[in-house]
Amino acid sequence: MRRLDQVSAEMRHRLGGLVEQYTSVICDCGTEFVARRGGRARCPACGRSDVPAMAAVTDAVAATLARSRDLDHHLGAAADAAKERSMTTTHKVRGIARLVQNFHAMNDEADKLADEMERHAARVTDGMRTTRAVVAQVARAADEIEAANALFTNGGEPLDPPSAGISSAGPSPAGTSPDAAAAATSAEGR
C-alpha cells in the first residue's frame, strides 16, 4: 500500500480531488489507513476513533515548522548581530593595537631625540669649555703684553692708541721708548 502523499503526479491527476480530500493516517497500533482531512478518523484495526486526521497533524506540524522558521530567523538575526559586534570589536581591537604601536614608535622617536639632544648639549658644553680656555689664554696674553709694555717703557705717558694715527710732526719724544727715539733720530739724519 502506498501513502497518498507519495502518489505520482500522473496518478494524482487520475485520482482527481481525492488526494486533496483524503490523507493517510498511521494509528498508534501501527495500522496505516486513509481518512478524510480535517475530521476524526476511525482505525479499522483497533477501532479507536480518537486518531486525529492527518490535517490536524499537518496543522500542528505546520505550526511547529512556522515556529521553527521564526526561531531560525531570530537565531540568524542574533548570529548576524553577534557577528557584527564581533567585527566591530575586532576593528576596535585592531585600532587600539595600531594606537599602541604608534605610541611605542613615538616613544622610540622621543628616546632618539632625547639622545641626540644630550649629544648636542655635550658638544655645546665642550665648546663653552674650549671658549673659556681660549678667553683665559687671551687674558693671560693681554696681561703678559701689559707686563712687557711696562718693562720697555720709560715710565712716561702711555703710547698713543693705534687708531689715533701718526701726526705729521712725527712722534713726540716724550712717552716713547729709548730705542724708538734713537731710531727716530737716526732716520732724520739720513
C-alpha atoms as a PDB file:
ATOM      1  CA  MET A   1       0.000   0.000   0.000  1.00  0.00           C
ATOM      2  CA  ARG A   2       1.422   3.399  -0.986  1.00  0.00           C
ATOM      3  CA  ARG A   3       0.877   6.527   1.021  1.00  0.00           C
ATOM      4  CA  LEU A   4      -1.248   9.183  -0.586  1.00  0.00           C
ATOM      5  CA  ASP A   5       1.490  11.803  -0.216  1.00  0.00           C
ATOM      6  CA  GLN A   6       3.775   9.584  -2.307  1.00  0.00           C
ATOM      7  CA  VAL A   7       1.346   9.327  -5.248  1.00  0.00           C
ATOM      8  CA  SER A   8       2.941  10.356  -8.523  1.00  0.00           C
ATOM      9  CA  ALA A   9       1.739  13.421 -10.400  1.00  0.00           C
ATOM     10  CA  GLU A  10       0.167  11.234 -13.157  1.00  0.00           C
ATOM     11  CA  MET A  11      -1.756   9.161 -10.631  1.00  0.00           C
ATOM     12  CA  ARG A  12      -2.737  12.269  -8.687  1.00  0.00           C
ATOM     13  CA  HIS A  13      -4.337  13.585 -11.895  1.00  0.00           C
ATOM     14  CA  ARG A  14      -6.326  10.335 -12.283  1.00  0.00           C
ATOM     15  CA  LEU A  15      -7.481  10.382  -8.687  1.00  0.00           C
ATOM     16  CA  GLY A  16      -8.607  13.987  -9.047  1.00  0.00           C
ATOM     17  CA  GLY A  17      -9.643  15.691  -5.826  1.00  0.00           C
ATOM     18  CA  LEU A  18      -9.409  12.546  -3.724  1.00  0.00           C
ATOM     19  CA  VAL A  19      -5.768  13.206  -2.883  1.00  0.00           C
ATOM     20  CA  GLU A  20      -6.609  16.701  -1.599  1.00  0.00           C
ATOM     21  CA  GLN A  21      -9.702  15.448   0.343  1.00  0.00           C
ATOM     22  CA  TYR A  22      -8.128  12.347   1.919  1.00  0.00           C
ATOM     23  CA  THR A  23      -4.840  11.638   3.584  1.00  0.00           C
ATOM     24  CA  SER A  24      -3.026   8.673   5.009  1.00  0.00           C
ATOM     25  CA  VAL A  25      -3.050   8.226   8.790  1.00  0.00           C
ATOM     26  CA  ILE A  26      -0.949   5.923  10.973  1.00  0.00           C
ATOM     27  CA  CYS A  27      -2.656   4.771  14.187  1.00  0.00           C
ATOM     28  CA  ASP A  28      -0.808   4.099  17.463  1.00  0.00           C
ATOM     29  CA  CYS A  29      -1.323   0.391  16.849  1.00  0.00           C
ATOM     30  CA  GLY A  30       0.776   0.730  13.673  1.00  0.00           C
ATOM     31  CA  THR A  31      -2.018   0.440  11.151  1.00  0.00           C
ATOM     32  CA  GLU A  32      -1.957   2.860   8.249  1.00  0.00           C
ATOM     33  CA  PHE A  33      -5.263   3.784   6.648  1.00  0.00           C
ATOM     34  CA  VAL A  34      -6.920   6.532   4.597  1.00  0.00           C
ATOM     35  CA  ALA A  35      -9.096   9.151   6.302  1.00  0.00           C
ATOM     36  CA  ARG A  36     -10.822  12.390   5.321  1.00  0.00           C
ATOM     37  CA  ARG A  37      -8.804  15.556   6.008  1.00  0.00           C
ATOM     38  CA  GLY A  38      -9.947  17.826   8.825  1.00  0.00           C
ATOM     39  CA  GLY A  39     -12.040  15.266  10.682  1.00  0.00           C
ATOM     40  CA  ARG A  40     -11.646  12.444  13.201  1.00  0.00           C
ATOM     41  CA  ALA A  41     -10.527   9.123  11.811  1.00  0.00           C
ATOM     42  CA  ARG A  42     -11.514   5.627  12.980  1.00  0.00           C
ATOM     43  CA  CYS A  43      -8.817   2.965  12.858  1.00  0.00           C
ATOM     44  CA  PRO A  44     -10.115  -0.162  11.053  1.00  0.00           C
ATOM     45  CA  ALA A  45      -7.770  -2.478  13.025  1.00  0.00           C
ATOM     46  CA  CYS A  46      -8.228  -1.388  16.647  1.00  0.00           C
ATOM     47  CA  GLY A  47     -11.404   0.674  16.321  1.00  0.00           C
ATOM     48  CA  ARG A  48     -10.049   3.787  18.004  1.00  0.00           C
ATOM     49  CA  SER A  49     -11.927   6.834  16.894  1.00  0.00           C
ATOM     50  CA  ASP A  50      -9.722   9.423  18.568  1.00  0.00           C
ATOM     51  CA  VAL A  51      -6.973   9.125  15.976  1.00  0.00           C
ATOM     52  CA  PRO A  52      -6.556  12.625  14.612  1.00  0.00           C
ATOM     53  CA  ALA A  53      -6.896  13.069  10.905  1.00  0.00           C
ATOM     54  CA  MET A  54      -3.780  13.959   9.066  1.00  0.00           C
ATOM     55  CA  ALA A  55      -4.937  17.537   8.548  1.00  0.00           C
ATOM     56  CA  ALA A  56      -4.790  18.187  12.290  1.00  0.00           C
ATOM     57  CA  VAL A  57      -1.346  16.593  12.461  1.00  0.00           C
ATOM     58  CA  THR A  58      -0.330  18.575   9.401  1.00  0.00           C
ATOM     59  CA  ASP A  59      -1.564  21.799  11.010  1.00  0.00           C
ATOM     60  CA  ALA A  60       0.394  21.042  14.178  1.00  0.00           C
ATOM     61  CA  VAL A  61       3.475  20.196  12.136  1.00  0.00           C
ATOM     62  CA  ALA A  62       2.993  23.356  10.058  1.00  0.00           C
ATOM     63  CA  ALA A  63       2.677  25.471  13.203  1.00  0.00           C
ATOM     64  CA  THR A  64       5.780  23.815  14.628  1.00  0.00           C
ATOM     65  CA  LEU A  65       7.621  24.388  11.383  1.00  0.00           C
ATOM     66  CA  ALA A  66       6.484  28.042  11.333  1.00  0.00           C
ATOM     67  CA  ARG A  67       7.722  28.487  14.893  1.00  0.00           C
ATOM     68  CA  SER A  68      10.937  26.744  13.905  1.00  0.00           C
ATOM     69  CA  ARG A  69      11.327  29.094  10.926  1.00  0.00           C
ATOM     70  CA  ASP A  70      10.688  32.086  13.195  1.00  0.00           C
ATOM     71  CA  LEU A  71      13.205  30.727  15.670  1.00  0.00           C
ATOM     72  CA  ASP A  72      15.696  30.175  12.847  1.00  0.00           C
ATOM     73  CA  HIS A  73      15.081  33.732  11.663  1.00  0.00           C
ATOM     74  CA  HIS A  74      15.635  35.122  15.167  1.00  0.00           C
ATOM     75  CA  LEU A  75      18.691  32.923  15.687  1.00  0.00           C
ATOM     76  CA  GLY A  76      20.040  34.050  12.304  1.00  0.00           C
ATOM     77  CA  ALA A  77      19.440  37.697  13.231  1.00  0.00           C
ATOM     78  CA  ALA A  78      21.133  37.117  16.595  1.00  0.00           C
ATOM     79  CA  ALA A  79      24.056  35.391  14.874  1.00  0.00           C
ATOM     80  CA  ASP A  80      24.335  38.287  12.409  1.00  0.00           C
ATOM     81  CA  ALA A  81      24.232  40.786  15.274  1.00  0.00           C
ATOM     82  CA  ALA A  82      26.863  38.790  17.163  1.00  0.00           C
ATOM     83  CA  LYS A  83      28.996  38.656  14.030  1.00  0.00           C
ATOM     84  CA  GLU A  84      28.569  42.426  13.583  1.00  0.00           C
ATOM     85  CA  ARG A  85      29.522  43.003  17.229  1.00  0.00           C
ATOM     86  CA  SER A  86      32.477  40.674  16.768  1.00  0.00           C
ATOM     87  CA  MET A  87      33.548  42.587  13.654  1.00  0.00           C
ATOM     88  CA  THR A  88      33.127  45.901  15.487  1.00  0.00           C
ATOM     89  CA  THR A  89      35.098  44.566  18.441  1.00  0.00           C
ATOM     90  CA  THR A  90      37.773  43.252  16.084  1.00  0.00           C
ATOM     91  CA  HIS A  91      38.022  46.665  14.404  1.00  0.00           C
ATOM     92  CA  LYS A  92      38.231  48.378  17.783  1.00  0.00           C
ATOM     93  CA  VAL A  93      40.916  45.975  18.995  1.00  0.00           C
ATOM     94  CA  ARG A  94      42.880  46.492  15.785  1.00  0.00           C
ATOM     95  CA  GLY A  95      42.519  50.263  16.180  1.00  0.00           C
ATOM     96  CA  ILE A  96      43.765  50.079  19.755  1.00  0.00           C
ATOM     97  CA  ALA A  97      46.662  47.870  18.645  1.00  0.00           C
ATOM     98  CA  ARG A  98      47.581  50.452  15.977  1.00  0.00           C
ATOM     99  CA  LEU A  99      47.401  53.230  18.583  1.00  0.00           C
ATOM    100  CA  VAL A 100      49.648  51.287  20.952  1.00  0.00           C
ATOM    101  CA  GLN A 101      52.069  50.560  18.108  1.00  0.00           C
ATOM    102  CA  ASN A 102      52.117  54.259  17.145  1.00  0.00           C
ATOM    103  CA  PHE A 103      52.637  55.182  20.792  1.00  0.00           C
ATOM    104  CA  HIS A 104      55.625  52.826  21.012  1.00  0.00           C
ATOM    105  CA  ALA A 105      57.031  54.275  17.775  1.00  0.00           C
ATOM    106  CA  MET A 106      56.601  57.814  19.122  1.00  0.00           C
ATOM    107  CA  ASN A 107      58.244  56.776  22.388  1.00  0.00           C
ATOM    108  CA  ASP A 108      61.209  55.337  20.472  1.00  0.00           C
ATOM    109  CA  GLU A 109      61.466  58.542  18.401  1.00  0.00           C
ATOM    110  CA  ALA A 110      61.345  60.605  21.608  1.00  0.00           C
ATOM    111  CA  ASP A 111      64.174  58.482  23.059  1.00  0.00           C
ATOM    112  CA  LYS A 112      66.248  59.026  19.914  1.00  0.00           C
ATOM    113  CA  LEU A 113      65.548  62.762  20.025  1.00  0.00           C
ATOM    114  CA  ALA A 114      66.497  62.919  23.719  1.00  0.00           C
ATOM    115  CA  ASP A 115      69.757  61.081  22.998  1.00  0.00           C
ATOM    116  CA  GLU A 116      70.536  63.471  20.136  1.00  0.00           C
ATOM    117  CA  MET A 117      69.771  66.476  22.362  1.00  0.00           C
ATOM    118  CA  GLU A 118      72.102  65.086  25.035  1.00  0.00           C
ATOM    119  CA  ARG A 119      74.864  64.725  22.408  1.00  0.00           C
ATOM    120  CA  HIS A 120      74.303  68.324  21.260  1.00  0.00           C
ATOM    121  CA  ALA A 121      74.298  69.549  24.881  1.00  0.00           C
ATOM    122  CA  ALA A 122      77.610  67.737  25.446  1.00  0.00           C
ATOM    123  CA  ARG A 123      79.046  69.367  22.296  1.00  0.00           C
ATOM    124  CA  VAL A 124      77.859  72.824  23.429  1.00  0.00           C
ATOM    125  CA  THR A 125      79.340  72.223  26.896  1.00  0.00           C
ATOM    126  CA  ASP A 126      82.665  71.175  25.334  1.00  0.00           C
ATOM    127  CA  GLY A 127      82.564  74.231  23.044  1.00  0.00           C
ATOM    128  CA  MET A 128      81.905  76.535  26.007  1.00  0.00           C
ATOM    129  CA  ARG A 129      84.754  74.921  27.955  1.00  0.00           C
ATOM    130  CA  THR A 130      87.070  75.447  24.959  1.00  0.00           C
ATOM    131  CA  THR A 131      85.872  79.054  24.585  1.00  0.00           C
ATOM    132  CA  ARG A 132      86.528  79.732  28.286  1.00  0.00           C
ATOM    133  CA  ALA A 133      90.034  78.270  27.896  1.00  0.00           C
ATOM    134  CA  VAL A 134      90.678  80.483  24.840  1.00  0.00           C
ATOM    135  CA  VAL A 135      89.344  83.566  26.671  1.00  0.00           C
ATOM    136  CA  ALA A 136      91.599  82.716  29.641  1.00  0.00           C
ATOM    137  CA  GLN A 137      94.605  82.357  27.289  1.00  0.00           C
ATOM    138  CA  VAL A 138      93.770  85.711  25.652  1.00  0.00           C
ATOM    139  CA  ALA A 139      93.505  87.323  29.111  1.00  0.00           C
ATOM    140  CA  ARG A 140      96.884  85.847  30.101  1.00  0.00           C
ATOM    141  CA  ALA A 141      98.411  87.067  26.821  1.00  0.00           C
ATOM    142  CA  ALA A 142      96.981  90.538  27.437  1.00  0.00           C
ATOM    143  CA  ASP A 143      98.465  90.508  30.937  1.00  0.00           C
ATOM    144  CA  GLU A 144     101.824  89.418  29.512  1.00  0.00           C
ATOM    145  CA  ILE A 145     101.684  92.178  26.875  1.00  0.00           C
ATOM    146  CA  GLU A 146     100.938  94.782  29.554  1.00  0.00           C
ATOM    147  CA  ALA A 147     103.802  93.429  31.649  1.00  0.00           C
ATOM    148  CA  ALA A 148     106.154  93.510  28.661  1.00  0.00           C
ATOM    149  CA  ASN A 149     104.974  97.015  27.786  1.00  0.00           C
ATOM    150  CA  ALA A 150     105.635  98.113  31.356  1.00  0.00           C
ATOM    151  CA  LEU A 151     109.193  96.727  31.121  1.00  0.00           C
ATOM    152  CA  PHE A 152     110.011  98.532  27.898  1.00  0.00           C
ATOM    153  CA  THR A 153     108.552 101.934  28.698  1.00  0.00           C
ATOM    154  CA  ASN A 154     110.459 104.666  30.456  1.00  0.00           C
ATOM    155  CA  GLY A 155     107.646 105.465  32.785  1.00  0.00           C
ATOM    156  CA  GLY A 156     106.253 108.234  30.604  1.00  0.00           C
ATOM    157  CA  GLU A 157     102.837 108.591  29.222  1.00  0.00           C
ATOM    158  CA  PRO A 158     101.341 105.532  27.534  1.00  0.00           C
ATOM    159  CA  LEU A 159     101.690 105.209  23.806  1.00  0.00           C
ATOM    160  CA  ASP A 160      99.069 106.732  21.583  1.00  0.00           C
ATOM    161  CA  PRO A 161      96.393 104.282  20.579  1.00  0.00           C
ATOM    162  CA  PRO A 162      96.881 102.922  17.046  1.00  0.00           C
ATOM    163  CA  SER A 163      93.618 104.439  15.868  1.00  0.00           C
ATOM    164  CA  ALA A 164      94.868 107.974  16.585  1.00  0.00           C
ATOM    165  CA  GLY A 165      97.413 107.578  13.828  1.00  0.00           C
ATOM    166  CA  ILE A 166     100.806 109.252  13.458  1.00  0.00           C
ATOM    167  CA  SER A 167     100.914 113.051  13.464  1.00  0.00           C
ATOM    168  CA  SER A 168     102.637 114.946  10.649  1.00  0.00           C
ATOM    169  CA  ALA A 169     105.203 116.388  13.035  1.00  0.00           C
ATOM    170  CA  GLY A 170     106.273 112.887  13.893  1.00  0.00           C
ATOM    171  CA  PRO A 171     106.170 111.098  17.141  1.00  0.00           C
ATOM    172  CA  SER A 172     106.761 113.110  20.201  1.00  0.00           C
ATOM    173  CA  PRO A 173     109.950 112.232  22.018  1.00  0.00           C
ATOM    174  CA  ALA A 174     108.116 112.135  25.308  1.00  0.00           C
ATOM    175  CA  GLY A 175     106.426 108.879  26.018  1.00  0.00           C
ATOM    176  CA  THR A 176     108.487 106.778  23.625  1.00  0.00           C
ATOM    177  CA  SER A 177     110.958 104.157  24.456  1.00  0.00           C
ATOM    178  CA  PRO A 178     114.729 104.946  24.160  1.00  0.00           C
ATOM    179  CA  ASP A 179     115.078 102.586  21.216  1.00  0.00           C
ATOM    180  CA  ALA A 180     112.241 104.286  19.334  1.00  0.00           C
ATOM    181  CA  ALA A 181     113.746 107.743  19.979  1.00  0.00           C
ATOM    182  CA  ALA A 182     117.140 106.551  18.730  1.00  0.00           C
ATOM    183  CA  ALA A 183     115.569 105.077  15.652  1.00  0.00           C
ATOM    184  CA  ALA A 184     113.663 108.301  15.009  1.00  0.00           C
ATOM    185  CA  THR A 185     116.830 110.464  15.266  1.00  0.00           C
ATOM    186  CA  SER A 186     118.788 108.143  13.005  1.00  0.00           C
ATOM    187  CA  ALA A 187     116.001 108.258  10.467  1.00  0.00           C
ATOM    188  CA  GLU A 188     116.081 112.070  10.454  1.00  0.00           C
ATOM    189  CA  GLY A 189     119.828 112.120   9.915  1.00  0.00           C
ATOM    190  CA  ARG A 190     119.748 110.279   6.735  1.00  0.00           C
END
